[in-house]
Amino acid sequence: MEVDVFSVAIVDEQPVSRAGMEKLVSDDPALEVVASVGAIDDLPHTGRDAYCVVIVDLPAHGGGRALEIISRVAGIGRPLVCASWEQPPTLLATIRAGARGCITRHTEQTAVRDALRIVAKGGFYLCPRLVGRFQTELTRQADDDPSGLAPREVETLRWIALGFTHAQVATRMGLSQATVNTYAKRIRAKLNVSNKAELTRMAIELGHLTESRQTYPAA
């Protein structure tokens, strides 16, 4: 009886852990490693849905870069994300960016294989170790942002992403421009971005900006 074999790509900047994942995947007859690289830019792009599943080990202190990696991976395969989850991005932000599964670096090998099979078949997998954390994120107050932004920082991010200058944001929020400048600096640090284009992208990924951007013209 012929068994379906699912193609797996591995993205991990750590050679030792990448080799371990290669071994884990190769030991499962239903899984086949077709690519193993240290960075997303090194992953062969052979078209959309090129891989059944792409397991991505998020770099430490990845911030906004981590969400960008997940979004890019989602265009060529189903992302199964592995991280410590002790720093951003959160589980919710990761899922919003396109992840189809989330595991930790301490997830049991059998569970990792289960996760790979489930994601490869089009399902969603959450490591049991992460269930409590995920429930906590879901039950946060509505004004508590999963990226770690304070409510006023979220508001500032929205205005900036909509095209307003810091002076215009200050007027609309009833703040001094110096305070808005401080908020903007904190936002860039928390999201690990360096310019307005990246801020706008992050605002969209985090669900703070919708298609109705022309509702509030900055002019």
N, C-alpha and C. Protein backbone atom coordinates (compact mmCIF):
# COMPACT_ATOMS: atom_id res chain seq x y z
N MET A 1 0.85 -1.20 0.00
CA MET A 1 0.00 0.00 0.00
C MET A 1 0.88 1.25 0.00
N GLU A 2 0.68 2.09 -1.00
CA GLU A 2 1.50 3.28 -1.14
C GLU A 2 1.11 4.33 -0.09
N VAL A 3 2.12 4.90 0.54
CA VAL A 3 1.89 5.90 1.60
C VAL A 3 2.23 7.28 1.06
N ASP A 4 1.36 8.25 1.30
CA ASP A 4 1.64 9.62 0.90
C ASP A 4 2.86 10.13 1.64
N VAL A 5 3.75 10.80 0.92
CA VAL A 5 4.94 11.38 1.53
C VAL A 5 4.84 12.89 1.41
N PHE A 6 4.96 13.57 2.54
CA PHE A 6 4.82 15.02 2.57
C PHE A 6 6.19 15.69 2.55
N SER A 7 6.34 16.68 1.69
CA SER A 7 7.61 17.40 1.57
C SER A 7 7.74 18.42 2.70
N VAL A 8 8.92 18.43 3.31
CA VAL A 8 9.19 19.31 4.45
C VAL A 8 10.43 20.15 4.18
N ALA A 9 10.31 21.44 4.40
CA ALA A 9 11.46 22.34 4.34
C ALA A 9 11.76 22.82 5.75
N ILE A 10 13.03 23.01 6.06
CA ILE A 10 13.45 23.44 7.39
C ILE A 10 14.22 24.74 7.28
N VAL A 11 13.83 25.72 8.11
CA VAL A 11 14.53 27.00 8.17
C VAL A 11 14.96 27.22 9.62
N ASP A 12 16.27 27.16 9.87
CA ASP A 12 16.80 27.28 11.22
C ASP A 12 18.23 27.80 11.13
N GLU A 13 18.50 28.92 11.78
CA GLU A 13 19.84 29.51 11.69
C GLU A 13 20.88 28.76 12.51
N GLN A 14 20.44 27.85 13.38
CA GLN A 14 21.36 27.09 14.22
C GLN A 14 21.66 25.73 13.56
N PRO A 15 22.89 25.49 13.09
CA PRO A 15 23.21 24.25 12.38
C PRO A 15 22.94 22.98 13.19
N VAL A 16 23.24 23.00 14.49
CA VAL A 16 23.05 21.80 15.30
C VAL A 16 21.58 21.44 15.43
N SER A 17 20.75 22.41 15.77
CA SER A 17 19.31 22.13 15.91
C SER A 17 18.69 21.81 14.55
N ARG A 18 19.21 22.42 13.49
CA ARG A 18 18.70 22.12 12.16
C ARG A 18 18.99 20.66 11.79
N ALA A 19 20.19 20.21 12.12
CA ALA A 19 20.54 18.82 11.84
C ALA A 19 19.66 17.87 12.64
N GLY A 20 19.36 18.24 13.88
CA GLY A 20 18.48 17.40 14.70
C GLY A 20 17.10 17.30 14.11
N MET A 21 16.58 18.41 13.59
CA MET A 21 15.25 18.40 12.97
C MET A 21 15.27 17.57 11.69
N GLU A 22 16.36 17.66 10.93
CA GLU A 22 16.47 16.84 9.72
C GLU A 22 16.37 15.36 10.07
N LYS A 23 17.06 14.96 11.12
CA LYS A 23 17.05 13.56 11.55
C LYS A 23 15.64 13.15 12.00
N LEU A 24 14.99 14.02 12.77
CA LEU A 24 13.65 13.72 13.27
C LEU A 24 12.68 13.51 12.11
N VAL A 25 12.74 14.39 11.11
CA VAL A 25 11.83 14.29 9.97
C VAL A 25 12.16 13.06 9.13
N SER A 26 13.44 12.81 8.89
CA SER A 26 13.85 11.70 8.04
C SER A 26 13.49 10.35 8.62
N ASP A 27 13.35 10.27 9.93
CA ASP A 27 13.00 9.01 10.58
C ASP A 27 11.53 8.64 10.39
N ASP A 28 10.73 9.57 9.87
CA ASP A 28 9.31 9.31 9.63
C ASP A 28 9.11 9.01 8.15
N PRO A 29 8.64 7.81 7.80
CA PRO A 29 8.48 7.45 6.39
C PRO A 29 7.46 8.30 5.63
N ALA A 30 6.62 9.02 6.37
CA ALA A 30 5.60 9.85 5.71
C ALA A 30 6.10 11.27 5.45
N LEU A 31 7.33 11.55 5.88
CA LEU A 31 7.87 12.89 5.73
C LEU A 31 9.21 12.84 4.99
N GLU A 32 9.46 13.85 4.18
CA GLU A 32 10.71 13.91 3.43
C GLU A 32 11.28 15.32 3.46
N VAL A 33 12.52 15.45 3.90
CA VAL A 33 13.19 16.74 3.90
C VAL A 33 13.64 17.05 2.48
N VAL A 34 13.09 18.11 1.90
CA VAL A 34 13.45 18.49 0.53
C VAL A 34 14.29 19.75 0.49
N ALA A 35 14.38 20.44 1.64
CA ALA A 35 15.23 21.63 1.72
C ALA A 35 15.53 21.90 3.19
N SER A 36 16.76 22.30 3.48
CA SER A 36 17.17 22.62 4.85
C SER A 36 18.17 23.75 4.78
N VAL A 37 17.76 24.92 5.27
CA VAL A 37 18.59 26.12 5.12
C VAL A 37 18.65 26.91 6.42
N GLY A 38 19.59 27.85 6.48
CA GLY A 38 19.75 28.66 7.68
C GLY A 38 18.92 29.92 7.68
N ALA A 39 18.42 30.34 6.52
CA ALA A 39 17.64 31.58 6.45
C ALA A 39 16.61 31.47 5.34
N ILE A 40 15.52 32.21 5.48
CA ILE A 40 14.44 32.17 4.51
C ILE A 40 14.92 32.55 3.11
N ASP A 41 15.89 33.46 3.03
CA ASP A 41 16.39 33.89 1.73
C ASP A 41 17.12 32.77 0.99
N ASP A 42 17.55 31.74 1.72
CA ASP A 42 18.26 30.62 1.10
C ASP A 42 17.32 29.49 0.69
N LEU A 43 16.05 29.62 1.01
CA LEU A 43 15.09 28.56 0.70
C LEU A 43 14.68 28.65 -0.76
N PRO A 44 14.86 27.57 -1.53
CA PRO A 44 14.45 27.60 -2.94
C PRO A 44 12.97 27.89 -3.09
N HIS A 45 12.64 28.91 -3.88
CA HIS A 45 11.24 29.28 -4.10
C HIS A 45 10.81 28.71 -5.45
N THR A 46 10.09 27.62 -5.42
CA THR A 46 9.67 26.98 -6.66
C THR A 46 8.19 27.22 -6.95
N GLY A 47 7.65 28.26 -6.37
CA GLY A 47 6.25 28.59 -6.60
C GLY A 47 5.42 28.48 -5.33
N ARG A 48 4.20 28.97 -5.40
CA ARG A 48 3.30 28.93 -4.24
C ARG A 48 3.00 27.48 -3.87
N ASP A 49 2.93 27.23 -2.55
CA ASP A 49 2.66 25.88 -2.04
C ASP A 49 3.71 24.88 -2.54
N ALA A 50 4.96 25.33 -2.60
CA ALA A 50 6.04 24.47 -3.06
C ALA A 50 6.34 23.35 -2.07
N TYR A 51 6.01 23.59 -0.79
CA TYR A 51 6.27 22.59 0.25
C TYR A 51 4.97 22.30 1.01
N CYS A 52 4.81 21.04 1.44
CA CYS A 52 3.65 20.71 2.23
C CYS A 52 3.68 21.42 3.58
N VAL A 53 4.87 21.53 4.16
CA VAL A 53 5.04 22.22 5.43
C VAL A 53 6.46 22.77 5.51
N VAL A 54 6.58 23.94 6.08
CA VAL A 54 7.90 24.55 6.31
C VAL A 54 8.03 24.79 7.81
N ILE A 55 8.96 24.09 8.44
CA ILE A 55 9.17 24.30 9.87
C ILE A 55 10.19 25.41 10.05
N VAL A 56 9.78 26.44 10.78
CA VAL A 56 10.60 27.64 10.94
C VAL A 56 10.94 27.82 12.41
N ASP A 57 12.24 27.83 12.71
CA ASP A 57 12.69 28.13 14.06
C ASP A 57 12.98 29.63 14.10
N LEU A 58 12.15 30.36 14.85
CA LEU A 58 12.28 31.81 14.87
C LEU A 58 13.57 32.24 15.57
N PRO A 59 14.30 33.18 14.98
CA PRO A 59 15.51 33.68 15.61
C PRO A 59 15.18 34.44 16.88
N ALA A 60 16.06 34.39 17.86
CA ALA A 60 15.84 35.13 19.11
C ALA A 60 15.79 36.62 18.83
N HIS A 61 14.91 37.31 19.55
CA HIS A 61 14.76 38.76 19.39
C HIS A 61 14.42 39.13 17.94
N GLY A 62 13.58 38.29 17.32
CA GLY A 62 13.24 38.52 15.93
C GLY A 62 12.28 39.68 15.72
N GLY A 63 11.36 39.90 16.68
CA GLY A 63 10.42 41.01 16.58
C GLY A 63 9.63 41.00 15.28
N GLY A 64 9.54 42.19 14.66
CA GLY A 64 8.81 42.32 13.41
C GLY A 64 9.40 41.48 12.31
N ARG A 65 10.71 41.26 12.33
CA ARG A 65 11.37 40.42 11.33
C ARG A 65 10.82 39.01 11.37
N ALA A 66 10.52 38.51 12.57
CA ALA A 66 9.98 37.16 12.71
C ALA A 66 8.63 37.05 12.00
N LEU A 67 7.77 38.04 12.16
CA LEU A 67 6.47 38.01 11.50
C LEU A 67 6.61 38.11 9.99
N GLU A 68 7.60 38.86 9.55
CA GLU A 68 7.85 38.96 8.10
C GLU A 68 8.26 37.59 7.55
N ILE A 69 9.11 36.88 8.29
CA ILE A 69 9.55 35.55 7.86
C ILE A 69 8.35 34.62 7.72
N ILE A 70 7.47 34.63 8.73
CA ILE A 70 6.30 33.76 8.69
C ILE A 70 5.41 34.09 7.50
N SER A 71 5.19 35.37 7.26
CA SER A 71 4.35 35.79 6.13
C SER A 71 4.94 35.34 4.80
N ARG A 72 6.24 35.45 4.68
CA ARG A 72 6.90 35.02 3.44
C ARG A 72 6.80 33.51 3.27
N VAL A 73 7.01 32.79 4.34
CA VAL A 73 6.92 31.33 4.28
C VAL A 73 5.52 30.89 3.89
N ALA A 74 4.51 31.59 4.40
CA ALA A 74 3.12 31.22 4.12
C ALA A 74 2.80 31.26 2.63
N GLY A 75 3.63 31.98 1.87
CA GLY A 75 3.41 32.05 0.43
C GLY A 75 3.93 30.85 -0.33
N ILE A 76 4.78 30.04 0.31
CA ILE A 76 5.36 28.90 -0.39
C ILE A 76 5.09 27.57 0.32
N GLY A 77 4.47 27.60 1.47
CA GLY A 77 4.16 26.38 2.21
C GLY A 77 3.42 26.70 3.49
N ARG A 78 3.04 25.67 4.23
CA ARG A 78 2.32 25.88 5.49
C ARG A 78 3.35 26.00 6.62
N PRO A 79 3.42 27.15 7.29
CA PRO A 79 4.44 27.34 8.32
C PRO A 79 4.10 26.62 9.64
N LEU A 80 5.05 25.84 10.14
CA LEU A 80 5.00 25.29 11.49
C LEU A 80 6.10 26.00 12.26
N VAL A 81 5.72 26.84 13.20
CA VAL A 81 6.66 27.74 13.85
C VAL A 81 7.14 27.19 15.19
N CYS A 82 8.44 27.21 15.37
CA CYS A 82 9.06 26.79 16.62
C CYS A 82 9.76 27.98 17.25
N ALA A 83 9.54 28.22 18.53
CA ALA A 83 10.15 29.35 19.21
C ALA A 83 10.15 29.11 20.71
N SER A 84 10.83 29.98 21.44
CA SER A 84 10.80 29.89 22.90
C SER A 84 9.53 30.51 23.45
N TRP A 85 8.97 31.48 22.70
CA TRP A 85 7.75 32.19 23.06
C TRP A 85 7.91 33.04 24.32
N GLU A 86 9.14 33.34 24.68
CA GLU A 86 9.40 34.19 25.84
C GLU A 86 9.50 35.66 25.46
N GLN A 87 9.56 35.95 24.16
CA GLN A 87 9.58 37.32 23.68
C GLN A 87 8.73 37.40 22.42
N PRO A 88 8.39 38.62 21.96
CA PRO A 88 7.55 38.74 20.77
C PRO A 88 8.18 38.00 19.59
N PRO A 89 7.34 37.52 18.65
CA PRO A 89 5.90 37.73 18.58
C PRO A 89 5.12 36.76 19.48
N THR A 90 3.88 37.13 19.79
CA THR A 90 3.02 36.25 20.57
C THR A 90 2.44 35.17 19.66
N LEU A 91 1.77 34.21 20.27
CA LEU A 91 1.11 33.17 19.49
C LEU A 91 0.06 33.76 18.54
N LEU A 92 -0.74 34.69 19.06
CA LEU A 92 -1.79 35.30 18.24
C LEU A 92 -1.20 36.04 17.04
N ALA A 93 -0.15 36.82 17.28
CA ALA A 93 0.48 37.55 16.19
C ALA A 93 1.07 36.58 15.17
N THR A 94 1.64 35.50 15.65
CA THR A 94 2.24 34.49 14.78
C THR A 94 1.18 33.83 13.89
N ILE A 95 0.05 33.51 14.49
CA ILE A 95 -1.04 32.89 13.73
C ILE A 95 -1.61 33.88 12.72
N ARG A 96 -1.76 35.12 13.13
CA ARG A 96 -2.26 36.15 12.21
C ARG A 96 -1.32 36.31 11.01
N ALA A 97 -0.03 36.10 11.22
CA ALA A 97 0.95 36.25 10.14
C ALA A 97 0.92 35.08 9.18
N GLY A 98 0.22 34.00 9.55
CA GLY A 98 0.07 32.88 8.62
C GLY A 98 0.50 31.52 9.13
N ALA A 99 0.94 31.42 10.39
CA ALA A 99 1.38 30.13 10.93
C ALA A 99 0.23 29.13 10.97
N ARG A 100 0.53 27.88 10.64
CA ARG A 100 -0.48 26.82 10.69
C ARG A 100 -0.24 25.88 11.86
N GLY A 101 0.80 26.15 12.61
CA GLY A 101 1.09 25.35 13.79
C GLY A 101 2.16 26.03 14.62
N CYS A 102 2.14 25.78 15.94
CA CYS A 102 3.12 26.38 16.85
C CYS A 102 3.61 25.33 17.84
N ILE A 103 4.92 25.21 17.94
CA ILE A 103 5.52 24.28 18.89
C ILE A 103 6.63 25.02 19.64
N THR A 104 7.17 24.38 20.68
CA THR A 104 8.27 24.97 21.42
C THR A 104 9.54 24.16 21.16
N ARG A 105 10.66 24.68 21.63
CA ARG A 105 11.91 23.95 21.46
C ARG A 105 12.02 22.78 22.43
N HIS A 106 11.02 22.62 23.28
CA HIS A 106 10.98 21.51 24.23
C HIS A 106 9.85 20.52 23.92
N THR A 107 9.19 20.71 22.78
CA THR A 107 8.12 19.80 22.39
C THR A 107 8.70 18.41 22.13
N GLU A 108 8.00 17.38 22.60
CA GLU A 108 8.46 16.01 22.40
C GLU A 108 8.54 15.66 20.91
N GLN A 109 9.48 14.78 20.57
CA GLN A 109 9.70 14.43 19.17
C GLN A 109 8.45 13.83 18.52
N THR A 110 7.75 12.98 19.25
CA THR A 110 6.53 12.39 18.68
C THR A 110 5.49 13.47 18.40
N ALA A 111 5.43 14.47 19.25
CA ALA A 111 4.48 15.57 19.05
C ALA A 111 4.88 16.42 17.85
N VAL A 112 6.19 16.59 17.65
CA VAL A 112 6.66 17.36 16.49
C VAL A 112 6.25 16.64 15.20
N ARG A 113 6.42 15.32 15.18
CA ARG A 113 6.02 14.56 13.99
C ARG A 113 4.51 14.67 13.77
N ASP A 114 3.74 14.58 14.85
CA ASP A 114 2.28 14.74 14.75
C ASP A 114 1.95 16.11 14.16
N ALA A 115 2.65 17.12 14.66
CA ALA A 115 2.42 18.49 14.19
C ALA A 115 2.71 18.61 12.70
N LEU A 116 3.83 18.03 12.26
CA LEU A 116 4.21 18.08 10.86
C LEU A 116 3.16 17.40 9.97
N ARG A 117 2.69 16.25 10.39
CA ARG A 117 1.68 15.53 9.61
C ARG A 117 0.37 16.31 9.54
N ILE A 118 -0.06 16.84 10.68
CA ILE A 118 -1.33 17.58 10.74
C ILE A 118 -1.28 18.82 9.87
N VAL A 119 -0.19 19.59 10.01
CA VAL A 119 -0.05 20.82 9.21
C VAL A 119 0.07 20.48 7.73
N ALA A 120 0.85 19.45 7.40
CA ALA A 120 1.03 19.06 6.01
C ALA A 120 -0.29 18.69 5.34
N LYS A 121 -1.22 18.13 6.13
CA LYS A 121 -2.53 17.73 5.60
C LYS A 121 -3.53 18.88 5.58
N GLY A 122 -3.09 20.06 6.00
CA GLY A 122 -3.97 21.22 5.96
C GLY A 122 -4.63 21.57 7.28
N GLY A 123 -4.26 20.87 8.36
CA GLY A 123 -4.84 21.16 9.66
C GLY A 123 -4.04 22.21 10.43
N PHE A 124 -4.44 22.39 11.68
CA PHE A 124 -3.75 23.34 12.56
C PHE A 124 -3.32 22.61 13.82
N TYR A 125 -2.10 22.92 14.30
CA TYR A 125 -1.58 22.23 15.49
C TYR A 125 -1.04 23.25 16.49
N LEU A 126 -1.42 23.04 17.75
CA LEU A 126 -0.88 23.84 18.85
C LEU A 126 -0.32 22.89 19.89
N CYS A 127 0.96 23.04 20.19
CA CYS A 127 1.60 22.18 21.18
C CYS A 127 0.87 22.28 22.52
N PRO A 128 0.61 21.15 23.18
CA PRO A 128 -0.07 21.19 24.48
C PRO A 128 0.62 22.10 25.49
N ARG A 129 1.93 22.26 25.39
CA ARG A 129 2.66 23.14 26.29
C ARG A 129 2.25 24.60 26.13
N LEU A 130 1.66 24.91 24.98
CA LEU A 130 1.31 26.30 24.67
C LEU A 130 -0.16 26.63 24.89
N VAL A 131 -0.95 25.63 25.25
CA VAL A 131 -2.40 25.85 25.38
C VAL A 131 -2.71 26.91 26.44
N GLY A 132 -2.07 26.82 27.60
CA GLY A 132 -2.32 27.80 28.66
C GLY A 132 -1.95 29.21 28.23
N ARG A 133 -0.80 29.34 27.58
CA ARG A 133 -0.37 30.66 27.10
C ARG A 133 -1.37 31.21 26.07
N PHE A 134 -1.83 30.33 25.18
CA PHE A 134 -2.77 30.76 24.14
C PHE A 134 -4.09 31.21 24.76
N GLN A 135 -4.58 30.47 25.75
CA GLN A 135 -5.82 30.85 26.41
C GLN A 135 -5.69 32.20 27.11
N THR A 136 -4.52 32.44 27.70
CA THR A 136 -4.27 33.72 28.35
C THR A 136 -4.32 34.85 27.35
N GLU A 137 -3.72 34.64 26.19
CA GLU A 137 -3.73 35.68 25.15
C GLU A 137 -5.16 35.95 24.68
N LEU A 138 -5.96 34.89 24.55
CA LEU A 138 -7.33 35.05 24.07
C LEU A 138 -8.21 35.79 25.07
N THR A 139 -7.90 35.66 26.34
CA THR A 139 -8.77 36.26 27.36
C THR A 139 -8.27 37.61 27.86
N ARG A 140 -7.24 38.13 27.21
CA ARG A 140 -6.77 39.46 27.58
C ARG A 140 -7.86 40.49 27.32
N GLN A 141 -7.77 41.60 28.00
CA GLN A 141 -8.72 42.68 27.76
C GLN A 141 -8.58 43.18 26.34
N ALA A 142 -9.67 43.70 25.79
CA ALA A 142 -9.69 44.12 24.39
C ALA A 142 -8.63 45.16 24.07
N ASP A 143 -8.26 45.98 25.06
CA ASP A 143 -7.28 47.04 24.78
C ASP A 143 -5.84 46.59 25.03
N ASP A 144 -5.66 45.31 25.28
CA ASP A 144 -4.32 44.78 25.52
C ASP A 144 -3.81 44.16 24.24
N ASP A 145 -2.84 44.75 23.61
CA ASP A 145 -2.38 44.32 22.30
C ASP A 145 -1.40 43.16 22.41
N PRO A 146 -1.55 42.09 21.58
CA PRO A 146 -0.68 40.93 21.66
C PRO A 146 0.78 41.21 21.31
N SER A 147 1.06 42.32 20.65
CA SER A 147 2.44 42.65 20.31
C SER A 147 3.18 43.29 21.48
N GLY A 148 2.44 43.59 22.57
CA GLY A 148 3.08 44.22 23.72
C GLY A 148 2.93 45.73 23.75
N LEU A 149 2.19 46.29 22.78
CA LEU A 149 1.97 47.73 22.74
C LEU A 149 0.91 48.15 23.74
N ALA A 150 1.16 49.28 24.39
CA ALA A 150 0.16 49.85 25.29
C ALA A 150 -0.97 50.46 24.45
N PRO A 151 -2.17 50.65 25.04
CA PRO A 151 -3.30 51.19 24.28
C PRO A 151 -2.99 52.48 23.53
N ARG A 152 -2.29 53.42 24.18
CA ARG A 152 -1.98 54.69 23.50
C ARG A 152 -0.95 54.49 22.40
N GLU A 153 -0.10 53.48 22.56
CA GLU A 153 0.87 53.18 21.51
C GLU A 153 0.16 52.57 20.30
N VAL A 154 -0.86 51.75 20.56
CA VAL A 154 -1.65 51.18 19.47
C VAL A 154 -2.35 52.30 18.70
N GLU A 155 -2.93 53.25 19.43
CA GLU A 155 -3.60 54.37 18.78
C GLU A 155 -2.62 55.18 17.95
N THR A 156 -1.44 55.42 18.50
CA THR A 156 -0.41 56.15 17.77
C THR A 156 -0.01 55.41 16.51
N LEU A 157 0.17 54.10 16.62
CA LEU A 157 0.54 53.28 15.47
C LEU A 157 -0.50 53.40 14.37
N ARG A 158 -1.77 53.36 14.75
CA ARG A 158 -2.85 53.46 13.74
C ARG A 158 -2.77 54.78 12.97
N TRP A 159 -2.62 55.89 13.71
CA TRP A 159 -2.58 57.20 13.06
C TRP A 159 -1.38 57.32 12.13
N ILE A 160 -0.21 56.86 12.60
CA ILE A 160 1.00 56.95 11.78
C ILE A 160 0.84 56.10 10.52
N ALA A 161 0.28 54.89 10.68
CA ALA A 161 0.09 53.99 9.54
C ALA A 161 -0.90 54.56 8.54
N LEU A 162 -1.83 55.38 9.02
CA LEU A 162 -2.81 56.02 8.13
C LEU A 162 -2.24 57.21 7.38
N GLY A 163 -1.00 57.57 7.68
CA GLY A 163 -0.34 58.62 6.92
C GLY A 163 -0.20 59.96 7.62
N PHE A 164 -0.56 60.06 8.88
CA PHE A 164 -0.47 61.31 9.61
C PHE A 164 0.96 61.56 10.09
N THR A 165 1.35 62.84 10.12
CA THR A 165 2.64 63.21 10.68
C THR A 165 2.55 63.17 12.20
N HIS A 166 3.70 63.20 12.86
CA HIS A 166 3.69 63.19 14.32
C HIS A 166 2.96 64.41 14.88
N ALA A 167 3.08 65.54 14.21
CA ALA A 167 2.39 66.75 14.66
C ALA A 167 0.87 66.58 14.55
N GLN A 168 0.43 65.97 13.44
CA GLN A 168 -1.01 65.76 13.25
C GLN A 168 -1.54 64.73 14.24
N VAL A 169 -0.75 63.71 14.52
CA VAL A 169 -1.15 62.71 15.50
C VAL A 169 -1.29 63.35 16.88
N ALA A 170 -0.35 64.22 17.21
CA ALA A 170 -0.39 64.90 18.51
C ALA A 170 -1.67 65.71 18.66
N THR A 171 -2.06 66.40 17.61
CA THR A 171 -3.29 67.21 17.65
C THR A 171 -4.52 66.32 17.86
N ARG A 172 -4.60 65.24 17.15
CA ARG A 172 -5.76 64.36 17.23
C ARG A 172 -5.84 63.61 18.56
N MET A 173 -4.68 63.33 19.16
CA MET A 173 -4.68 62.60 20.42
C MET A 173 -4.62 63.52 21.63
N GLY A 174 -4.51 64.83 21.39
CA GLY A 174 -4.44 65.79 22.50
C GLY A 174 -3.15 65.67 23.28
N LEU A 175 -2.05 65.37 22.58
CA LEU A 175 -0.76 65.21 23.23
C LEU A 175 0.25 66.19 22.65
N SER A 176 1.39 66.30 23.29
CA SER A 176 2.48 67.09 22.72
C SER A 176 3.18 66.26 21.66
N GLN A 177 3.82 66.94 20.73
CA GLN A 177 4.53 66.21 19.69
C GLN A 177 5.68 65.39 20.30
N ALA A 178 6.28 65.91 21.37
CA ALA A 178 7.36 65.19 22.04
C ALA A 178 6.87 63.85 22.58
N THR A 179 5.64 63.84 23.12
CA THR A 179 5.07 62.59 23.63
C THR A 179 4.81 61.60 22.50
N VAL A 180 4.30 62.09 21.38
CA VAL A 180 4.06 61.24 20.22
C VAL A 180 5.39 60.68 19.70
N ASN A 181 6.42 61.53 19.69
CA ASN A 181 7.74 61.07 19.26
C ASN A 181 8.23 59.93 20.16
N THR A 182 7.97 60.06 21.46
CA THR A 182 8.37 59.02 22.42
C THR A 182 7.60 57.74 22.16
N TYR A 183 6.28 57.87 21.94
CA TYR A 183 5.46 56.69 21.63
C TYR A 183 5.99 56.00 20.36
N ALA A 184 6.28 56.79 19.34
CA ALA A 184 6.74 56.23 18.07
C ALA A 184 8.07 55.49 18.25
N LYS A 185 8.93 56.04 19.07
CA LYS A 185 10.23 55.40 19.34
C LYS A 185 10.02 54.05 20.04
N ARG A 186 9.10 54.03 21.02
CA ARG A 186 8.81 52.79 21.73
C ARG A 186 8.20 51.75 20.80
N ILE A 187 7.31 52.20 19.94
CA ILE A 187 6.65 51.28 19.00
C ILE A 187 7.69 50.64 18.09
N ARG A 188 8.60 51.45 17.53
CA ARG A 188 9.63 50.90 16.65
C ARG A 188 10.50 49.89 17.37
N ALA A 189 10.81 50.17 18.64
CA ALA A 189 11.65 49.25 19.42
C ALA A 189 10.92 47.94 19.69
N LYS A 190 9.64 48.03 20.09
CA LYS A 190 8.87 46.82 20.41
C LYS A 190 8.61 45.95 19.19
N LEU A 191 8.40 46.59 18.04
CA LEU A 191 8.09 45.85 16.83
C LEU A 191 9.33 45.57 15.99
N ASN A 192 10.46 46.12 16.42
CA ASN A 192 11.74 45.91 15.73
C ASN A 192 11.66 46.36 14.27
N VAL A 193 11.15 47.57 14.06
CA VAL A 193 11.08 48.15 12.73
C VAL A 193 11.82 49.48 12.74
N SER A 194 12.17 49.97 11.55
CA SER A 194 13.00 51.17 11.49
C SER A 194 12.43 52.31 10.66
N ASN A 195 11.32 52.07 9.93
CA ASN A 195 10.77 53.14 9.12
C ASN A 195 9.25 53.04 9.04
N LYS A 196 8.65 54.03 8.41
CA LYS A 196 7.19 54.12 8.36
C LYS A 196 6.57 52.99 7.55
N ALA A 197 7.25 52.58 6.47
CA ALA A 197 6.71 51.49 5.66
C ALA A 197 6.60 50.21 6.47
N GLU A 198 7.61 49.93 7.28
CA GLU A 198 7.59 48.73 8.12
C GLU A 198 6.54 48.86 9.21
N LEU A 199 6.37 50.08 9.75
CA LEU A 199 5.33 50.30 10.76
C LEU A 199 3.94 50.01 10.18
N THR A 200 3.72 50.48 8.95
CA THR A 200 2.43 50.27 8.29
C THR A 200 2.18 48.79 8.07
N ARG A 201 3.21 48.08 7.62
CA ARG A 201 3.07 46.64 7.40
C ARG A 201 2.72 45.92 8.70
N MET A 202 3.40 46.31 9.79
CA MET A 202 3.14 45.68 11.07
C MET A 202 1.73 45.99 11.57
N ALA A 203 1.27 47.23 11.32
CA ALA A 203 -0.08 47.61 11.73
C ALA A 203 -1.11 46.72 11.04
N ILE A 204 -0.87 46.40 9.77
CA ILE A 204 -1.77 45.53 9.02
C ILE A 204 -1.71 44.11 9.57
N GLU A 205 -0.48 43.59 9.78
CA GLU A 205 -0.31 42.22 10.25
C GLU A 205 -0.93 42.01 11.63
N LEU A 206 -0.87 43.05 12.47
CA LEU A 206 -1.39 42.94 13.83
C LEU A 206 -2.88 43.23 13.91
N GLY A 207 -3.48 43.56 12.76
CA GLY A 207 -4.92 43.78 12.73
C GLY A 207 -5.35 45.17 13.14
N HIS A 208 -4.42 46.14 13.14
CA HIS A 208 -4.75 47.51 13.55
C HIS A 208 -5.09 48.42 12.38
N LEU A 209 -4.96 47.89 11.16
CA LEU A 209 -5.23 48.70 9.98
C LEU A 209 -5.97 47.84 8.98
N THR A 210 -7.10 48.34 8.48
CA THR A 210 -7.90 47.58 7.53
C THR A 210 -7.82 48.22 6.16
N GLU A 211 -8.62 47.69 5.24
CA GLU A 211 -8.64 48.22 3.88
C GLU A 211 -9.16 49.66 3.83
N SER A 212 -9.90 50.09 4.86
CA SER A 212 -10.53 51.42 4.84
C SER A 212 -9.55 52.50 5.27
N ARG A 213 -8.38 52.54 4.65
CA ARG A 213 -7.36 53.50 5.06
C ARG A 213 -7.72 54.91 4.63
N GLN A 214 -8.58 55.07 3.63
CA GLN A 214 -8.90 56.41 3.14
C GLN A 214 -9.97 57.09 3.99
N THR A 215 -10.41 56.45 5.03
CA THR A 215 -11.44 57.04 5.90
C THR A 215 -10.95 58.30 6.58
N TYR A 216 -9.63 58.34 6.87
CA TYR A 216 -9.07 59.48 7.56
C TYR A 216 -7.90 60.05 6.76
N PRO A 217 -8.19 60.85 5.73
CA PRO A 217 -7.11 61.40 4.91
C PRO A 217 -6.22 62.30 5.77
N ALA A 218 -4.90 62.16 5.58
CA ALA A 218 -3.97 62.91 6.40
C ALA A 218 -3.86 64.36 5.99
N ALA A 219 -4.25 64.67 4.78
CA ALA A 219 -4.11 66.05 4.30
C ALA A 219 -5.06 66.99 5.03
